[in-house]
Amino acid sequence: MRTVDGRVAGRRGQATRQKLLDCLSEMLSSSPYRDVKVIDVARKAGTSPATFYQYFPDVEGAVLEIAGQMAAESAGLTQLLEGRSWAGKAGWQTAQELVEGFLEFWRKHDAILRVVDLGAAEGDKRFYKIRMKILNSVNNSLADSIAELQSKGRVDKDVNPAAMAGALVAMLASVSSHQKGFTSWGVKQAELKPNLALLVYLGVTGRKPTK
């Protein structure tokens, strides 16, 4: 762990650095990203702007650090598909657990994911790469699962596994980021998961699930 000028940060410095990141994360959950200023983050952390600049070049640099930590955590989403079956009741269970994992990940990291989406939409390659790392944690495994089913004759030969997986992952990401909006349509949180899982199961297997 190094400071901006290349010095190795000691234990106290690392603790200060992490406190700044924690305070910034908290502020992002209640304030628009572009309204967050270095002086406000430093004040909340009980330190000075000069200390902030020892560890980060600017707010954006600190945000990218938080986003990078979150992207590393997204590797856990891959485990929702590793070695899992898509046959019968086991397949329905796989679909449900994938959806629950995706929804929970977005709920946990909602504030920073909004910033990542904004940066990616504006063409910032750094944020785009982070977004793709998160989506790829599921997309590649899902495409492999569909291709395997196809090789066994259980999925129509006209299906493109990469296209289907990409469409499903994009849908999961979009729905996950819009969870609060479903309530305005009269959809309860408990009703969202099984309906989304049904779409995932249908997309992967081309069949209705065995419940």
C-alpha atoms as a PDB file:
ATOM      1  CA  MET A   1       0.000   0.000   0.000  1.00  0.00           C
ATOM      2  CA  ARG A   2       1.657   3.214  -1.181  1.00  0.00           C
ATOM      3  CA  THR A   3       0.902   6.915  -0.967  1.00  0.00           C
ATOM      4  CA  VAL A   4       0.486   9.078  -4.060  1.00  0.00           C
ATOM      5  CA  ASP A   5       4.168  10.033  -3.958  1.00  0.00           C
ATOM      6  CA  GLY A   6       5.265   6.390  -3.796  1.00  0.00           C
ATOM      7  CA  ARG A   7       6.013   6.010  -0.073  1.00  0.00           C
ATOM      8  CA  VAL A   8       4.912   2.820   1.679  1.00  0.00           C
ATOM      9  CA  ALA A   9       1.974   3.518   3.990  1.00  0.00           C
ATOM     10  CA  GLY A  10       2.330   2.236   7.549  1.00  0.00           C
ATOM     11  CA  ARG A  11      -0.415   0.601   9.582  1.00  0.00           C
ATOM     12  CA  ARG A  12      -1.807   3.942  10.768  1.00  0.00           C
ATOM     13  CA  GLY A  13      -1.670   5.331   7.223  1.00  0.00           C
ATOM     14  CA  GLN A  14      -3.514   2.309   5.864  1.00  0.00           C
ATOM     15  CA  ALA A  15      -6.192   2.716   8.524  1.00  0.00           C
ATOM     16  CA  THR A  16      -6.596   6.405   7.621  1.00  0.00           C
ATOM     17  CA  ARG A  17      -6.778   5.537   3.929  1.00  0.00           C
ATOM     18  CA  GLN A  18      -9.479   2.944   4.550  1.00  0.00           C
ATOM     19  CA  LYS A  19     -11.433   5.350   6.763  1.00  0.00           C
ATOM     20  CA  LEU A  20     -11.435   7.889   3.923  1.00  0.00           C
ATOM     21  CA  LEU A  21     -12.771   5.215   1.550  1.00  0.00           C
ATOM     22  CA  ASP A  22     -15.445   4.162   4.050  1.00  0.00           C
ATOM     23  CA  CYS A  23     -16.564   7.768   4.551  1.00  0.00           C
ATOM     24  CA  LEU A  24     -16.669   8.349   0.801  1.00  0.00           C
ATOM     25  CA  SER A  25     -18.754   5.191   0.316  1.00  0.00           C
ATOM     26  CA  GLU A  26     -21.199   6.405   2.943  1.00  0.00           C
ATOM     27  CA  MET A  27     -21.443   9.825   1.306  1.00  0.00           C
ATOM     28  CA  LEU A  28     -22.089   8.321  -2.130  1.00  0.00           C
ATOM     29  CA  SER A  29     -25.148   6.542  -0.742  1.00  0.00           C
ATOM     30  CA  SER A  30     -26.768   9.861   0.206  1.00  0.00           C
ATOM     31  CA  SER A  31     -25.255  12.463  -2.147  1.00  0.00           C
ATOM     32  CA  PRO A  32     -24.884  12.776  -5.941  1.00  0.00           C
ATOM     33  CA  TYR A  33     -21.381  11.701  -6.984  1.00  0.00           C
ATOM     34  CA  ARG A  34     -20.477  15.068  -8.506  1.00  0.00           C
ATOM     35  CA  ASP A  35     -21.464  16.922  -5.329  1.00  0.00           C
ATOM     36  CA  VAL A  36     -18.929  15.063  -3.176  1.00  0.00           C
ATOM     37  CA  LYS A  37     -15.847  17.197  -2.500  1.00  0.00           C
ATOM     38  CA  VAL A  38     -12.472  16.269  -1.020  1.00  0.00           C
ATOM     39  CA  ILE A  39     -12.907  18.689   1.888  1.00  0.00           C
ATOM     40  CA  ASP A  40     -16.231  17.060   2.821  1.00  0.00           C
ATOM     41  CA  VAL A  41     -14.774  13.529   2.745  1.00  0.00           C
ATOM     42  CA  ALA A  42     -11.792  14.637   4.840  1.00  0.00           C
ATOM     43  CA  ARG A  43     -13.996  16.415   7.367  1.00  0.00           C
ATOM     44  CA  LYS A  44     -16.231  13.358   7.745  1.00  0.00           C
ATOM     45  CA  ALA A  45     -13.147  11.175   8.291  1.00  0.00           C
ATOM     46  CA  GLY A  46     -11.824  13.598  10.899  1.00  0.00           C
ATOM     47  CA  THR A  47      -8.751  14.540   8.909  1.00  0.00           C
ATOM     48  CA  SER A  48      -7.577  17.173   6.414  1.00  0.00           C
ATOM     49  CA  PRO A  49      -7.729  17.526   2.597  1.00  0.00           C
ATOM     50  CA  ALA A  50      -3.913  17.359   2.623  1.00  0.00           C
ATOM     51  CA  THR A  51      -4.128  13.898   4.179  1.00  0.00           C
ATOM     52  CA  PHE A  52      -6.687  12.834   1.564  1.00  0.00           C
ATOM     53  CA  TYR A  53      -4.310  13.906  -1.215  1.00  0.00           C
ATOM     54  CA  GLN A  54      -1.553  11.773   0.305  1.00  0.00           C
ATOM     55  CA  TYR A  55      -3.529   8.677  -0.660  1.00  0.00           C
ATOM     56  CA  PHE A  56      -5.686   9.686  -3.640  1.00  0.00           C
ATOM     57  CA  PRO A  57      -5.212  12.138  -6.519  1.00  0.00           C
ATOM     58  CA  ASP A  58      -8.862  13.246  -6.313  1.00  0.00           C
ATOM     59  CA  VAL A  59     -12.370  12.016  -5.454  1.00  0.00           C
ATOM     60  CA  GLU A  60     -12.571  10.092  -8.712  1.00  0.00           C
ATOM     61  CA  GLY A  61      -9.353   8.237  -7.871  1.00  0.00           C
ATOM     62  CA  ALA A  62     -10.811   7.192  -4.517  1.00  0.00           C
ATOM     63  CA  VAL A  63     -14.087   6.165  -6.181  1.00  0.00           C
ATOM     64  CA  LEU A  64     -12.165   3.959  -8.611  1.00  0.00           C
ATOM     65  CA  GLU A  65     -10.441   2.328  -5.636  1.00  0.00           C
ATOM     66  CA  ILE A  66     -13.816   1.494  -4.059  1.00  0.00           C
ATOM     67  CA  ALA A  67     -15.124   0.262  -7.413  1.00  0.00           C
ATOM     68  CA  GLY A  68     -12.069  -1.953  -7.859  1.00  0.00           C
ATOM     69  CA  GLN A  69     -12.625  -3.551  -4.452  1.00  0.00           C
ATOM     70  CA  MET A  70     -16.267  -4.166  -5.344  1.00  0.00           C
ATOM     71  CA  ALA A  71     -15.329  -5.717  -8.709  1.00  0.00           C
ATOM     72  CA  ALA A  72     -12.965  -8.113  -6.936  1.00  0.00           C
ATOM     73  CA  GLU A  73     -15.866  -9.129  -4.699  1.00  0.00           C
ATOM     74  CA  SER A  74     -17.999  -9.900  -7.767  1.00  0.00           C
ATOM     75  CA  ALA A  75     -15.893 -13.037  -8.300  1.00  0.00           C
ATOM     76  CA  GLY A  76     -18.246 -14.585  -5.757  1.00  0.00           C
ATOM     77  CA  LEU A  77     -21.044 -14.413  -8.347  1.00  0.00           C
ATOM     78  CA  THR A  78     -19.154 -16.945 -10.478  1.00  0.00           C
ATOM     79  CA  GLN A  79     -19.544 -19.506  -7.694  1.00  0.00           C
ATOM     80  CA  LEU A  80     -23.318 -19.362  -8.166  1.00  0.00           C
ATOM     81  CA  LEU A  81     -22.851 -21.196 -11.473  1.00  0.00           C
ATOM     82  CA  GLU A  82     -19.737 -23.338 -11.030  1.00  0.00           C
ATOM     83  CA  GLY A  83     -20.593 -27.032 -11.236  1.00  0.00           C
ATOM     84  CA  ARG A  84     -24.326 -26.322 -11.053  1.00  0.00           C
ATOM     85  CA  SER A  85     -26.961 -28.311 -12.916  1.00  0.00           C
ATOM     86  CA  TRP A  86     -29.679 -26.797 -15.107  1.00  0.00           C
ATOM     87  CA  ALA A  87     -31.741 -30.001 -15.202  1.00  0.00           C
ATOM     88  CA  GLY A  88     -35.129 -30.379 -13.525  1.00  0.00           C
ATOM     89  CA  LYS A  89     -35.628 -29.071  -9.977  1.00  0.00           C
ATOM     90  CA  ALA A  90     -31.879 -28.545  -9.563  1.00  0.00           C
ATOM     91  CA  GLY A  91     -31.926 -26.214 -12.577  1.00  0.00           C
ATOM     92  CA  TRP A  92     -34.777 -24.188 -11.109  1.00  0.00           C
ATOM     93  CA  GLN A  93     -32.781 -23.901  -7.868  1.00  0.00           C
ATOM     94  CA  THR A  94     -29.734 -22.708  -9.842  1.00  0.00           C
ATOM     95  CA  ALA A  95     -31.785 -19.993 -11.552  1.00  0.00           C
ATOM     96  CA  GLN A  96     -33.254 -18.793  -8.247  1.00  0.00           C
ATOM     97  CA  GLU A  97     -29.888 -18.654  -6.481  1.00  0.00           C
ATOM     98  CA  LEU A  98     -28.283 -16.804  -9.405  1.00  0.00           C
ATOM     99  CA  VAL A  99     -31.036 -14.187  -9.336  1.00  0.00           C
ATOM    100  CA  GLU A 100     -30.890 -13.826  -5.547  1.00  0.00           C
ATOM    101  CA  GLY A 101     -27.099 -13.446  -5.671  1.00  0.00           C
ATOM    102  CA  PHE A 102     -27.318 -10.779  -8.360  1.00  0.00           C
ATOM    103  CA  LEU A 103     -30.058  -8.813  -6.589  1.00  0.00           C
ATOM    104  CA  GLU A 104     -28.197  -8.975  -3.272  1.00  0.00           C
ATOM    105  CA  PHE A 105     -24.881  -7.862  -4.826  1.00  0.00           C
ATOM    106  CA  TRP A 106     -26.609  -4.816  -6.364  1.00  0.00           C
ATOM    107  CA  ARG A 107     -28.402  -3.981  -3.121  1.00  0.00           C
ATOM    108  CA  LYS A 108     -25.124  -4.151  -1.197  1.00  0.00           C
ATOM    109  CA  HIS A 109     -23.152  -2.012  -3.658  1.00  0.00           C
ATOM    110  CA  ASP A 110     -25.964   0.167  -4.995  1.00  0.00           C
ATOM    111  CA  ALA A 111     -24.245   3.545  -4.453  1.00  0.00           C
ATOM    112  CA  ILE A 112     -20.927   2.721  -6.122  1.00  0.00           C
ATOM    113  CA  LEU A 113     -22.605   0.767  -8.930  1.00  0.00           C
ATOM    114  CA  ARG A 114     -24.589   3.887  -9.834  1.00  0.00           C
ATOM    115  CA  VAL A 115     -21.309   5.791 -10.188  1.00  0.00           C
ATOM    116  CA  VAL A 116     -19.764   2.972 -12.237  1.00  0.00           C
ATOM    117  CA  ASP A 117     -22.790   2.933 -14.562  1.00  0.00           C
ATOM    118  CA  LEU A 118     -22.589   6.708 -14.948  1.00  0.00           C
ATOM    119  CA  GLY A 119     -18.884   6.641 -15.768  1.00  0.00           C
ATOM    120  CA  ALA A 120     -19.289   3.737 -18.194  1.00  0.00           C
ATOM    121  CA  ALA A 121     -22.218   5.467 -19.935  1.00  0.00           C
ATOM    122  CA  GLU A 122     -20.078   8.588 -20.371  1.00  0.00           C
ATOM    123  CA  GLY A 123     -17.379   6.528 -22.078  1.00  0.00           C
ATOM    124  CA  ASP A 124     -14.811   6.394 -19.261  1.00  0.00           C
ATOM    125  CA  LYS A 125     -12.891   3.207 -20.058  1.00  0.00           C
ATOM    126  CA  ARG A 126     -11.811   2.733 -16.436  1.00  0.00           C
ATOM    127  CA  PHE A 127     -15.399   2.483 -15.245  1.00  0.00           C
ATOM    128  CA  TYR A 128     -16.387   0.466 -18.318  1.00  0.00           C
ATOM    129  CA  LYS A 129     -13.717  -2.157 -17.550  1.00  0.00           C
ATOM    130  CA  ILE A 130     -14.946  -2.443 -13.959  1.00  0.00           C
ATOM    131  CA  ARG A 131     -18.539  -2.854 -15.110  1.00  0.00           C
ATOM    132  CA  MET A 132     -17.539  -5.536 -17.612  1.00  0.00           C
ATOM    133  CA  LYS A 133     -15.491  -7.388 -14.990  1.00  0.00           C
ATOM    134  CA  ILE A 134     -18.604  -7.630 -12.819  1.00  0.00           C
ATOM    135  CA  LEU A 135     -20.843  -8.780 -15.679  1.00  0.00           C
ATOM    136  CA  ASN A 136     -18.248 -11.205 -17.024  1.00  0.00           C
ATOM    137  CA  SER A 137     -18.159 -12.959 -13.658  1.00  0.00           C
ATOM    138  CA  VAL A 138     -21.557 -14.387 -14.634  1.00  0.00           C
ATOM    139  CA  ASN A 139     -21.690 -13.962 -18.413  1.00  0.00           C
ATOM    140  CA  ASN A 140     -18.869 -16.356 -19.289  1.00  0.00           C
ATOM    141  CA  SER A 141     -20.093 -19.124 -16.979  1.00  0.00           C
ATOM    142  CA  LEU A 142     -23.649 -18.722 -18.238  1.00  0.00           C
ATOM    143  CA  ALA A 143     -22.535 -18.925 -21.881  1.00  0.00           C
ATOM    144  CA  ASP A 144     -20.585 -22.101 -21.085  1.00  0.00           C
ATOM    145  CA  SER A 145     -23.657 -23.640 -19.432  1.00  0.00           C
ATOM    146  CA  ILE A 146     -25.848 -22.886 -22.453  1.00  0.00           C
ATOM    147  CA  ALA A 147     -23.212 -24.234 -24.869  1.00  0.00           C
ATOM    148  CA  GLU A 148     -22.953 -27.439 -22.831  1.00  0.00           C
ATOM    149  CA  LEU A 149     -26.725 -27.951 -22.901  1.00  0.00           C
ATOM    150  CA  GLN A 150     -26.678 -27.266 -26.636  1.00  0.00           C
ATOM    151  CA  SER A 151     -23.959 -29.891 -27.200  1.00  0.00           C
ATOM    152  CA  LYS A 152     -26.230 -32.431 -25.493  1.00  0.00           C
ATOM    153  CA  GLY A 153     -29.142 -31.515 -27.748  1.00  0.00           C
ATOM    154  CA  ARG A 154     -31.125 -29.947 -24.908  1.00  0.00           C
ATOM    155  CA  VAL A 155     -30.989 -26.390 -26.319  1.00  0.00           C
ATOM    156  CA  ASP A 156     -32.027 -25.424 -29.852  1.00  0.00           C
ATOM    157  CA  LYS A 157     -29.072 -25.359 -32.264  1.00  0.00           C
ATOM    158  CA  ASP A 158     -30.085 -21.888 -33.505  1.00  0.00           C
ATOM    159  CA  VAL A 159     -29.401 -20.346 -30.088  1.00  0.00           C
ATOM    160  CA  ASN A 160     -26.163 -18.379 -29.827  1.00  0.00           C
ATOM    161  CA  PRO A 161     -24.874 -19.117 -26.281  1.00  0.00           C
ATOM    162  CA  ALA A 162     -22.852 -15.881 -26.015  1.00  0.00           C
ATOM    163  CA  ALA A 163     -25.747 -13.727 -27.244  1.00  0.00           C
ATOM    164  CA  MET A 164     -28.260 -15.427 -24.939  1.00  0.00           C
ATOM    165  CA  ALA A 165     -25.945 -15.201 -21.926  1.00  0.00           C
ATOM    166  CA  GLY A 166     -25.203 -11.534 -22.660  1.00  0.00           C
ATOM    167  CA  ALA A 167     -28.900 -10.705 -22.948  1.00  0.00           C
ATOM    168  CA  LEU A 168     -29.699 -12.461 -19.663  1.00  0.00           C
ATOM    169  CA  VAL A 169     -26.840 -10.795 -17.777  1.00  0.00           C
ATOM    170  CA  ALA A 170     -27.765  -7.364 -19.142  1.00  0.00           C
ATOM    171  CA  MET A 171     -31.346  -8.014 -18.024  1.00  0.00           C
ATOM    172  CA  LEU A 172     -30.195  -9.078 -14.549  1.00  0.00           C
ATOM    173  CA  ALA A 173     -28.043  -5.962 -14.182  1.00  0.00           C
ATOM    174  CA  SER A 174     -30.817  -3.657 -15.383  1.00  0.00           C
ATOM    175  CA  VAL A 175     -33.471  -5.186 -13.140  1.00  0.00           C
ATOM    176  CA  SER A 176     -31.097  -5.277 -10.166  1.00  0.00           C
ATOM    177  CA  SER A 177     -30.354  -1.565 -10.510  1.00  0.00           C
ATOM    178  CA  HIS A 178     -34.089  -0.825 -10.772  1.00  0.00           C
ATOM    179  CA  GLN A 179     -35.273  -2.848  -7.751  1.00  0.00           C
ATOM    180  CA  LYS A 180     -36.813   0.093  -5.905  1.00  0.00           C
ATOM    181  CA  GLY A 181     -38.669   1.147  -9.050  1.00  0.00           C
ATOM    182  CA  PHE A 182     -40.685  -2.069  -9.152  1.00  0.00           C
ATOM    183  CA  THR A 183     -42.655  -1.021  -6.091  1.00  0.00           C
ATOM    184  CA  SER A 184     -44.166   1.853  -8.086  1.00  0.00           C
ATOM    185  CA  TRP A 185     -45.512  -0.808 -10.474  1.00  0.00           C
ATOM    186  CA  GLY A 186     -47.108  -2.667  -7.587  1.00  0.00           C
ATOM    187  CA  VAL A 187     -44.470  -5.419  -7.574  1.00  0.00           C
ATOM    188  CA  LYS A 188     -43.269  -6.618  -4.171  1.00  0.00           C
ATOM    189  CA  GLN A 189     -39.613  -7.564  -3.689  1.00  0.00           C
ATOM    190  CA  ALA A 190     -40.630 -11.146  -2.912  1.00  0.00           C
ATOM    191  CA  GLU A 191     -42.469 -11.365  -6.252  1.00  0.00           C
ATOM    192  CA  LEU A 192     -39.547 -10.081  -8.293  1.00  0.00           C
ATOM    193  CA  LYS A 193     -37.125 -12.945  -7.632  1.00  0.00           C
ATOM    194  CA  PRO A 194     -39.246 -15.923  -8.895  1.00  0.00           C
ATOM    195  CA  ASN A 195     -40.383 -14.069 -12.008  1.00  0.00           C
ATOM    196  CA  LEU A 196     -36.853 -13.025 -12.876  1.00  0.00           C
ATOM    197  CA  ALA A 197     -35.622 -16.571 -12.176  1.00  0.00           C
ATOM    198  CA  LEU A 198     -38.291 -17.881 -14.572  1.00  0.00           C
ATOM    199  CA  LEU A 199     -36.948 -15.672 -17.374  1.00  0.00           C
ATOM    200  CA  VAL A 200     -33.377 -16.807 -16.662  1.00  0.00           C
ATOM    201  CA  TYR A 201     -34.369 -20.485 -16.628  1.00  0.00           C
ATOM    202  CA  LEU A 202     -36.339 -20.152 -19.860  1.00  0.00           C
ATOM    203  CA  GLY A 203     -33.440 -18.316 -21.487  1.00  0.00           C
ATOM    204  CA  VAL A 204     -30.858 -20.913 -20.511  1.00  0.00           C
ATOM    205  CA  THR A 205     -32.853 -24.099 -21.084  1.00  0.00           C
ATOM    206  CA  GLY A 206     -35.657 -23.081 -23.454  1.00  0.00           C
ATOM    207  CA  ARG A 207     -38.074 -24.946 -21.181  1.00  0.00           C
ATOM    208  CA  LYS A 208     -40.491 -24.291 -18.342  1.00  0.00           C
ATOM    209  CA  PRO A 209     -38.947 -25.153 -14.974  1.00  0.00           C
ATOM    210  CA  THR A 210     -39.780 -28.244 -12.936  1.00  0.00           C
ATOM    211  CA  LYS A 211     -40.645 -26.883  -9.519  1.00  0.00           C
END
